[in-house]
PDB file of N, CA and C in Angstrom:
ATOM      1  N   MET A   1      58.467 136.040 105.811  1.00  0.00           N
ATOM      2  CA  MET A   1      57.901 134.783 106.229  1.00  0.00           C
ATOM      3  C   MET A   1      58.860 134.130 107.203  1.00  0.00           C
ATOM      4  N   LYS A   2      58.366 133.711 108.297  1.00  0.00           N
ATOM      5  CA  LYS A   2      59.195 133.109 109.321  1.00  0.00           C
ATOM      6  C   LYS A   2      58.828 131.626 109.424  1.00  0.00           C
ATOM      7  N   ILE A   3      59.878 130.804 109.400  1.00  0.00           N
ATOM      8  CA  ILE A   3      59.656 129.362 109.522  1.00  0.00           C
ATOM      9  C   ILE A   3      60.257 128.912 110.843  1.00  0.00           C
ATOM     10  N   ASN A   4      59.449 128.351 111.662  1.00  0.00           N
ATOM     11  CA  ASN A   4      59.915 127.828 112.939  1.00  0.00           C
ATOM     12  C   ASN A   4      60.021 126.314 112.853  1.00  0.00           C
ATOM     13  N   ASN A   5      61.009 125.800 113.491  1.00  0.00           N
ATOM     14  CA  ASN A   5      61.208 124.354 113.509  1.00  0.00           C
ATOM     15  C   ASN A   5      60.326 123.771 114.599  1.00  0.00           C
ATOM     16  N   HIS A   6      59.213 123.177 114.211  1.00  0.00           N
ATOM     17  CA  HIS A   6      58.289 122.603 115.176  1.00  0.00           C
ATOM     18  C   HIS A   6      58.587 121.144 115.469  1.00  0.00           C
ATOM     19  N   ASN A   7      59.358 120.520 114.625  1.00  0.00           N
ATOM     20  CA  ASN A   7      59.696 119.110 114.835  1.00  0.00           C
ATOM     21  C   ASN A   7      60.877 118.999 115.786  1.00  0.00           C
ATOM     22  N   VAL A   8      61.004 117.863 116.386  1.00  0.00           N
ATOM     23  CA  VAL A   8      62.145 117.602 117.264  1.00  0.00           C
ATOM     24  C   VAL A   8      63.373 117.437 116.380  1.00  0.00           C
ATOM     25  N   SER A   9      64.397 118.184 116.691  1.00  0.00           N
ATOM     26  CA  SER A   9      65.605 118.083 115.875  1.00  0.00           C
ATOM     27  C   SER A   9      66.440 116.876 116.310  1.00  0.00           C
ATOM     28  N   GLY A  10      67.232 116.369 115.408  1.00  0.00           N
ATOM     29  CA  GLY A  10      68.123 115.254 115.726  1.00  0.00           C
ATOM     30  C   GLY A  10      67.509 113.896 115.495  1.00  0.00           C
ATOM     31  N   ILE A  11      66.320 113.825 114.963  1.00  0.00           N
ATOM     32  CA  ILE A  11      65.695 112.533 114.698  1.00  0.00           C
ATOM     33  C   ILE A  11      65.763 112.275 113.202  1.00  0.00           C
ATOM     34  N   ASN A  12      66.322 111.150 112.874  1.00  0.00           N
ATOM     35  CA  ASN A  12      66.430 110.754 111.483  1.00  0.00           C
ATOM     36  C   ASN A  12      65.482 109.585 111.262  1.00  0.00           C
ATOM     37  N   PRO A  13      64.403 109.759 110.499  1.00  0.00           N
ATOM     38  CA  PRO A  13      63.434 108.683 110.307  1.00  0.00           C
ATOM     39  C   PRO A  13      64.022 107.494 109.559  1.00  0.00           C
ATOM     40  N   TYR A  14      65.140 107.683 108.873  1.00  0.00           N
ATOM     41  CA  TYR A  14      65.753 106.604 108.105  1.00  0.00           C
ATOM     42  C   TYR A  14      66.824 105.856 108.887  1.00  0.00           C
ATOM     43  N   GLN A  15      67.100 106.268 110.108  1.00  0.00           N
ATOM     44  CA  GLN A  15      68.175 105.677 110.892  1.00  0.00           C
ATOM     45  C   GLN A  15      67.925 104.198 111.170  1.00  0.00           C
ATOM     46  N   LYS A  16      66.686 103.818 111.449  1.00  0.00           N
ATOM     47  CA  LYS A  16      66.394 102.417 111.741  1.00  0.00           C
ATOM     48  C   LYS A  16      66.700 101.529 110.549  1.00  0.00           C
ATOM     49  N   SER A  17      66.347 101.965 109.368  1.00  0.00           N
ATOM     50  CA  SER A  17      66.627 101.148 108.186  1.00  0.00           C
ATOM     51  C   SER A  17      68.127 101.099 107.901  1.00  0.00           C
ATOM     52  N   LEU A  18      68.837 102.187 108.188  1.00  0.00           N
ATOM     53  CA  LEU A  18      70.284 102.191 108.002  1.00  0.00           C
ATOM     54  C   LEU A  18      70.953 101.241 108.976  1.00  0.00           C
ATOM     55  N   ASP A  19      70.477 101.193 110.210  1.00  0.00           N
ATOM     56  CA  ASP A  19      71.042 100.295 111.201  1.00  0.00           C
ATOM     57  C   ASP A  19      70.824  98.841 110.809  1.00  0.00           C
ATOM     58  N   LYS A  20      69.652  98.537 110.285  1.00  0.00           N
ATOM     59  CA  LYS A  20      69.358  97.168 109.862  1.00  0.00           C
ATOM     60  C   LYS A  20      70.254  96.736 108.706  1.00  0.00           C
ATOM     61  N   MET A  21      70.549  97.652 107.821  1.00  0.00           N
ATOM     62  CA  MET A  21      71.391  97.337 106.671  1.00  0.00           C
ATOM     63  C   MET A  21      72.855  97.214 107.076  1.00  0.00           C
ATOM     64  N   ALA A  22      73.299  97.967 108.047  1.00  0.00           N
ATOM     65  CA  ALA A  22      74.706  97.982 108.431  1.00  0.00           C
ATOM     66  C   ALA A  22      75.086  96.744 109.233  1.00  0.00           C
ATOM     67  N   LYS A  23      74.206  96.203 110.029  1.00  0.00           N
ATOM     68  CA  LYS A  23      74.538  95.060 110.884  1.00  0.00           C
ATOM     69  C   LYS A  23      74.881  93.798 110.088  1.00  0.00           C
ATOM     70  N   PRO A  24      74.135  93.400 109.073  1.00  0.00           N
ATOM     71  CA  PRO A  24      74.522  92.202 108.322  1.00  0.00           C
ATOM     72  C   PRO A  24      75.848  92.358 107.593  1.00  0.00           C
ATOM     73  N   GLU A  25      76.162  93.560 107.130  1.00  0.00           N
ATOM     74  CA  GLU A  25      77.425  93.776 106.441  1.00  0.00           C
ATOM     75  C   GLU A  25      78.598  93.569 107.380  1.00  0.00           C
ATOM     76  N   ALA A  26      78.478  94.028 108.604  1.00  0.00           N
ATOM     77  CA  ALA A  26      79.565  93.881 109.567  1.00  0.00           C
ATOM     78  C   ALA A  26      79.763  92.411 109.913  1.00  0.00           C
ATOM     79  N   ALA A  27      78.680  91.668 110.033  1.00  0.00           N
ATOM     80  CA  ALA A  27      78.788  90.250 110.367  1.00  0.00           C
ATOM     81  C   ALA A  27      79.298  89.440 109.187  1.00  0.00           C
ATOM     82  N   ALA A  28      79.021  89.889 107.970  1.00  0.00           N
ATOM     83  CA  ALA A  28      79.403  89.143 106.777  1.00  0.00           C
ATOM     84  C   ALA A  28      80.863  89.349 106.391  1.00  0.00           C
ATOM     85  N   GLN A  29      81.501  90.369 106.929  1.00  0.00           N
ATOM     86  CA  GLN A  29      82.887  90.616 106.567  1.00  0.00           C
ATOM     87  C   GLN A  29      83.771  89.511 107.127  1.00  0.00           C
ATOM     88  N   LYS A  30      84.643  88.979 106.250  1.00  0.00           N
ATOM     89  CA  LYS A  30      85.557  87.920 106.654  1.00  0.00           C
ATOM     90  C   LYS A  30      86.981  88.430 106.539  1.00  0.00           C
ATOM     91  N   LYS A  31      87.830  87.855 107.318  1.00  0.00           N
ATOM     92  CA  LYS A  31      89.231  88.233 107.281  1.00  0.00           C
ATOM     93  C   LYS A  31      89.989  87.253 106.398  1.00  0.00           C
ATOM     94  N   ASP A  32      91.023  87.755 105.735  1.00  0.00           N
ATOM     95  CA  ASP A  32      91.865  86.913 104.908  1.00  0.00           C
ATOM     96  C   ASP A  32      92.803  86.111 105.793  1.00  0.00           C
ATOM     97  N   LYS A  33      93.112  84.917 105.338  1.00  0.00           N
ATOM     98  CA  LYS A  33      94.004  84.053 106.096  1.00  0.00           C
ATOM     99  C   LYS A  33      94.922  83.344 105.117  1.00  0.00           C
ATOM    100  N   VAL A  34      96.206  83.331 105.421  1.00  0.00           N
ATOM    101  CA  VAL A  34      97.185  82.691 104.563  1.00  0.00           C
ATOM    102  C   VAL A  34      97.905  81.624 105.375  1.00  0.00           C
ATOM    103  N   GLU A  35      97.985  80.437 104.779  1.00  0.00           N
ATOM    104  CA  GLU A  35      98.724  79.347 105.407  1.00  0.00           C
ATOM    105  C   GLU A  35      99.773  78.857 104.418  1.00  0.00           C
ATOM    106  N   ILE A  36     100.988  78.691 104.892  1.00  0.00           N
ATOM    107  CA  ILE A  36     102.083  78.222 104.051  1.00  0.00           C
ATOM    108  C   ILE A  36     102.290  76.745 104.337  1.00  0.00           C
ATOM    109  N   SER A  37     102.256  75.938 103.289  1.00  0.00           N
ATOM    110  CA  SER A  37     102.396  74.494 103.458  1.00  0.00           C
ATOM    111  C   SER A  37     103.830  74.137 103.840  1.00  0.00           C
ATOM    112  N   SER A  38     103.992  72.929 104.325  1.00  0.00           N
ATOM    113  CA  SER A  38     105.335  72.486 104.715  1.00  0.00           C
ATOM    114  C   SER A  38     106.231  72.347 103.489  1.00  0.00           C
ATOM    115  N   ALA A  39     105.646  71.986 102.337  1.00  0.00           N
ATOM    116  CA  ALA A  39     106.433  71.890 101.106  1.00  0.00           C
ATOM    117  C   ALA A  39     106.981  73.259 100.708  1.00  0.00           C
ATOM    118  N   ALA A  40     106.162  74.296 100.856  1.00  0.00           N
ATOM    119  CA  ALA A  40     106.621  75.652 100.537  1.00  0.00           C
ATOM    120  C   ALA A  40     107.697  76.099 101.513  1.00  0.00           C
ATOM    121  N   LYS A  41     107.548  75.712 102.758  1.00  0.00           N
ATOM    122  CA  LYS A  41     108.572  76.064 103.744  1.00  0.00           C
ATOM    123  C   LYS A  41     109.888  75.371 103.432  1.00  0.00           C
ATOM    124  N   ASP A  42     109.812  74.143 102.931  1.00  0.00           N
ATOM    125  CA  ASP A  42     111.029  73.423 102.559  1.00  0.00           C
ATOM    126  C   ASP A  42     111.736  74.098 101.388  1.00  0.00           C
ATOM    127  N   LEU A  43     110.961  74.682 100.488  1.00  0.00           N
ATOM    128  CA  LEU A  43     111.559  75.374  99.347  1.00  0.00           C
ATOM    129  C   LEU A  43     112.320  76.618  99.789  1.00  0.00           C
ATOM    130  N   GLN A  44     111.950  77.153 100.914  1.00  0.00           N
ATOM    131  CA  GLN A  44     112.612  78.348 101.425  1.00  0.00           C
ATOM    132  C   GLN A  44     113.809  77.996 102.307  1.00  0.00           C
ATOM    133  N   ALA A  45     114.223  76.768 102.255  1.00  0.00           N
ATOM    134  CA  ALA A  45     115.297  76.300 103.140  1.00  0.00           C
ATOM    135  C   ALA A  45     116.585  77.079 102.901  1.00  0.00           C
ATOM    136  N   ASN A  46     117.383  77.140 103.921  1.00  0.00           N
ATOM    137  CA  ASN A  46     118.638  77.887 103.858  1.00  0.00           C
ATOM    138  C   ASN A  46     119.637  77.263 102.892  1.00  0.00           C
ATOM    139  N   SER A  47     119.553  75.951 102.654  1.00  0.00           N
ATOM    140  CA  SER A  47     120.506  75.306 101.750  1.00  0.00           C
ATOM    141  C   SER A  47     120.362  75.847 100.333  1.00  0.00           C
ATOM    142  N   ILE A  48     119.139  76.109  99.905  1.00  0.00           N
ATOM    143  CA  ILE A  48     118.918  76.663  98.570  1.00  0.00           C
ATOM    144  C   ILE A  48     119.452  78.092  98.512  1.00  0.00           C
ATOM    145  N   VAL A  49     119.177  78.849  99.537  1.00  0.00           N
ATOM    146  CA  VAL A  49     119.654  80.234  99.590  1.00  0.00           C
ATOM    147  C   VAL A  49     121.177  80.253  99.606  1.00  0.00           C
ATOM    148  N   GLN A  50     121.769  79.363 100.345  1.00  0.00           N
ATOM    149  CA  GLN A  50     123.228  79.319 100.447  1.00  0.00           C
ATOM    150  C   GLN A  50     123.846  78.907  99.108  1.00  0.00           C
ATOM    151  N   ALA A  51     123.263  77.917  98.425  1.00  0.00           N
ATOM    152  CA  ALA A  51     123.790  77.484  97.129  1.00  0.00           C
ATOM    153  C   ALA A  51     123.687  78.610  96.105  1.00  0.00           C
ATOM    154  N   ARG A  52     122.595  79.332  96.138  1.00  0.00           N
ATOM    155  CA  ARG A  52     122.424  80.450  95.208  1.00  0.00           C
ATOM    156  C   ARG A  52     123.443  81.545  95.495  1.00  0.00           C
ATOM    157  N   GLN A  53     123.677  81.823  96.758  1.00  0.00           N
ATOM    158  CA  GLN A  53     124.651  82.859  97.138  1.00  0.00           C
ATOM    159  C   GLN A  53     126.050  82.470  96.674  1.00  0.00           C
ATOM    160  N   GLU A  54     126.395  81.180  96.779  1.00  0.00           N
ATOM    161  CA  GLU A  54     127.711  80.715  96.324  1.00  0.00           C
ATOM    162  C   GLU A  54     127.853  80.898  94.817  1.00  0.00           C
ATOM    163  N   LYS A  55     126.778  80.622  94.079  1.00  0.00           N
ATOM    164  CA  LYS A  55     126.814  80.775  92.626  1.00  0.00           C
ATOM    165  C   LYS A  55     126.982  82.241  92.252  1.00  0.00           C
ATOM    166  N   VAL A  56     126.294  83.123  92.957  1.00  0.00           N
ATOM    167  CA  VAL A  56     126.411  84.562  92.696  1.00  0.00           C
ATOM    168  C   VAL A  56     127.835  85.037  92.979  1.00  0.00           C
ATOM    169  N   GLU A  57     128.414  84.568  94.059  1.00  0.00           N
ATOM    170  CA  GLU A  57     129.792  84.965  94.398  1.00  0.00           C
ATOM    171  C   GLU A  57     130.773  84.486  93.328  1.00  0.00           C
ATOM    172  N   ALA A  58     130.586  83.270  92.826  1.00  0.00           N
ATOM    173  CA  ALA A  58     131.470  82.747  91.779  1.00  0.00           C
ATOM    174  C   ALA A  58     131.346  83.591  90.507  1.00  0.00           C
ATOM    175  N   LEU A  59     130.130  83.972  90.159  1.00  0.00           N
ATOM    176  CA  LEU A  59     129.939  84.813  88.975  1.00  0.00           C
ATOM    177  C   LEU A  59     130.561  86.191  89.165  1.00  0.00           C
ATOM    178  N   LYS A  60     130.466  86.736  90.365  1.00  0.00           N
ATOM    179  CA  LYS A  60     131.087  88.041  90.638  1.00  0.00           C
ATOM    180  C   LYS A  60     132.596  87.976  90.442  1.00  0.00           C
ATOM    181  N   LYS A  61     133.199  86.894  90.918  1.00  0.00           N
ATOM    182  CA  LYS A  61     134.656  86.748  90.771  1.00  0.00           C
ATOM    183  C   LYS A  61     135.036  86.635  89.309  1.00  0.00           C
ATOM    184  N   GLN A  62     134.241  85.893  88.515  1.00  0.00           N
ATOM    185  CA  GLN A  62     134.543  85.763  87.091  1.00  0.00           C
ATOM    186  C   GLN A  62     134.436  87.113  86.387  1.00  0.00           C
ATOM    187  N   VAL A  63     133.446  87.907  86.741  1.00  0.00           N
ATOM    188  CA  VAL A  63     133.285  89.224  86.123  1.00  0.00           C
ATOM    189  C   VAL A  63     134.436  90.134  86.504  1.00  0.00           C
ATOM    190  N   GLU A  64     134.848  90.094  87.770  1.00  0.00           N
ATOM    191  CA  GLU A  64     135.962  90.934  88.229  1.00  0.00           C
ATOM    192  C   GLU A  64     137.270  90.535  87.562  1.00  0.00           C
ATOM    193  N   ASN A  65     137.482  89.242  87.364  1.00  0.00           N
ATOM    194  CA  ASN A  65     138.722  88.761  86.749  1.00  0.00           C
ATOM    195  C   ASN A  65     138.707  88.905  85.226  1.00  0.00           C
ATOM    196  N   GLY A  66     137.542  89.128  84.647  1.00  0.00           N
ATOM    197  CA  GLY A  66     137.444  89.243  83.193  1.00  0.00           C
ATOM    198  C   GLY A  66     137.349  87.897  82.505  1.00  0.00           C
ATOM    199  N   THR A  67     137.059  86.837  83.242  1.00  0.00           N
ATOM    200  CA  THR A  67     136.980  85.500  82.660  1.00  0.00           C
ATOM    201  C   THR A  67     135.545  85.081  82.349  1.00  0.00           C
ATOM    202  N   TYR A  68     134.589  85.921  82.667  1.00  0.00           N
ATOM    203  CA  TYR A  68     133.182  85.585  82.410  1.00  0.00           C
ATOM    204  C   TYR A  68     132.869  85.846  80.949  1.00  0.00           C
ATOM    205  N   LYS A  69     132.411  84.815  80.251  1.00  0.00           N
ATOM    206  CA  LYS A  69     132.093  84.929  78.826  1.00  0.00           C
ATOM    207  C   LYS A  69     130.602  84.674  78.623  1.00  0.00           C
ATOM    208  N   VAL A  70     129.981  85.522  77.826  1.00  0.00           N
ATOM    209  CA  VAL A  70     128.566  85.400  77.519  1.00  0.00           C
ATOM    210  C   VAL A  70     128.435  84.750  76.147  1.00  0.00           C
ATOM    211  N   ASP A  71     127.610  83.704  76.068  1.00  0.00           N
ATOM    212  CA  ASP A  71     127.345  83.048  74.803  1.00  0.00           C
ATOM    213  C   ASP A  71     126.112  83.708  74.184  1.00  0.00           C
ATOM    214  N   PRO A  72     126.288  84.468  73.112  1.00  0.00           N
ATOM    215  CA  PRO A  72     125.152  85.198  72.542  1.00  0.00           C
ATOM    216  C   PRO A  72     124.039  84.272  72.026  1.00  0.00           C
ATOM    217  N   ASN A  73     124.402  83.095  71.529  1.00  0.00           N
ATOM    218  CA  ASN A  73     123.385  82.165  71.033  1.00  0.00           C
ATOM    219  C   ASN A  73     122.492  81.663  72.173  1.00  0.00           C
ATOM    220  N   THR A  74     123.078  81.381  73.315  1.00  0.00           N
ATOM    221  CA  THR A  74     122.296  80.921  74.463  1.00  0.00           C
ATOM    222  C   THR A  74     121.365  82.014  74.953  1.00  0.00           C
ATOM    223  N   VAL A  75     121.855  83.250  74.995  1.00  0.00           N
ATOM    224  CA  VAL A  75     121.020  84.377  75.423  1.00  0.00           C
ATOM    225  C   VAL A  75     119.863  84.571  74.451  1.00  0.00           C
ATOM    226  N   ALA A  76     120.134  84.538  73.160  1.00  0.00           N
ATOM    227  CA  ALA A  76     119.088  84.725  72.152  1.00  0.00           C
ATOM    228  C   ALA A  76     118.045  83.615  72.239  1.00  0.00           C
ATOM    229  N   ASN A  77     118.498  82.377  72.394  1.00  0.00           N
ATOM    230  CA  ASN A  77     117.554  81.253  72.506  1.00  0.00           C
ATOM    231  C   ASN A  77     116.689  81.378  73.759  1.00  0.00           C
ATOM    232  N   SER A  78     117.269  81.845  74.842  1.00  0.00           N
ATOM    233  CA  SER A  78     116.510  82.028  76.076  1.00  0.00           C
ATOM    234  C   SER A  78     115.436  83.104  75.910  1.00  0.00           C
ATOM    235  N   ILE A  79     115.776  84.176  75.224  1.00  0.00           N
ATOM    236  CA  ILE A  79     114.808  85.251  74.997  1.00  0.00           C
ATOM    237  C   ILE A  79     113.658  84.756  74.120  1.00  0.00           C
ATOM    238  N   VAL A  80     113.991  84.026  73.059  1.00  0.00           N
ATOM    239  CA  VAL A  80     112.957  83.505  72.164  1.00  0.00           C
ATOM    240  C   VAL A  80     112.056  82.525  72.918  1.00  0.00           C
ATOM    241  N   ASP A  81     112.655  81.635  73.706  1.00  0.00           N
ATOM    242  CA  ASP A  81     111.860  80.670  74.480  1.00  0.00           C
ATOM    243  C   ASP A  81     110.940  81.375  75.469  1.00  0.00           C
ATOM    244  N   PHE A  82     111.416  82.435  76.090  1.00  0.00           N
ATOM    245  CA  PHE A  82     110.602  83.182  77.053  1.00  0.00           C
ATOM    246  C   PHE A  82     109.355  83.752  76.388  1.00  0.00           C
ATOM    247  N   PHE A  83     109.526  84.361  75.210  1.00  0.00           N
ATOM    248  CA  PHE A  83     108.377  84.981  74.548  1.00  0.00           C
ATOM    249  C   PHE A  83     107.464  83.956  73.883  1.00  0.00           C
ATOM    250  N   ARG A  84     107.958  82.781  73.572  1.00  0.00           N
ATOM    251  CA  ARG A  84     107.098  81.724  73.027  1.00  0.00           C
ATOM    252  C   ARG A  84     106.184  81.148  74.095  1.00  0.00           C
ATOM    253  N   LYS A  85     106.633  81.122  75.326  1.00  0.00           N
ATOM    254  CA  LYS A  85     105.835  80.577  76.423  1.00  0.00           C
ATOM    255  C   LYS A  85     104.657  81.480  76.749  1.00  0.00           C
ATOM    256  N   GLN A  86     104.772  82.757  76.497  1.00  0.00           N
ATOM    257  CA  GLN A  86     103.703  83.688  76.845  1.00  0.00           C
ATOM    258  C   GLN A  86     102.627  83.667  75.855  1.00  0.00           C
TER     259      GLN A  86
END
């Protein structure tokens, strides 16, 4: 049995409906936008970063000199408080 292709090839009868469905989706897509408030920018100020860096350097010196002491009660209380908040 021989089957000949009598129809025009390359025509998709569903293409028109696919095109109609695809166009609204493309128009409906929105882009994300992020804006940082001036208050948030102030929190990122260099003075805070610099103060934190100074504190880290002081702690490093204490650890190197052997003068840094850990209070176990303060650490335990901090851990308990952390898990109570959750």
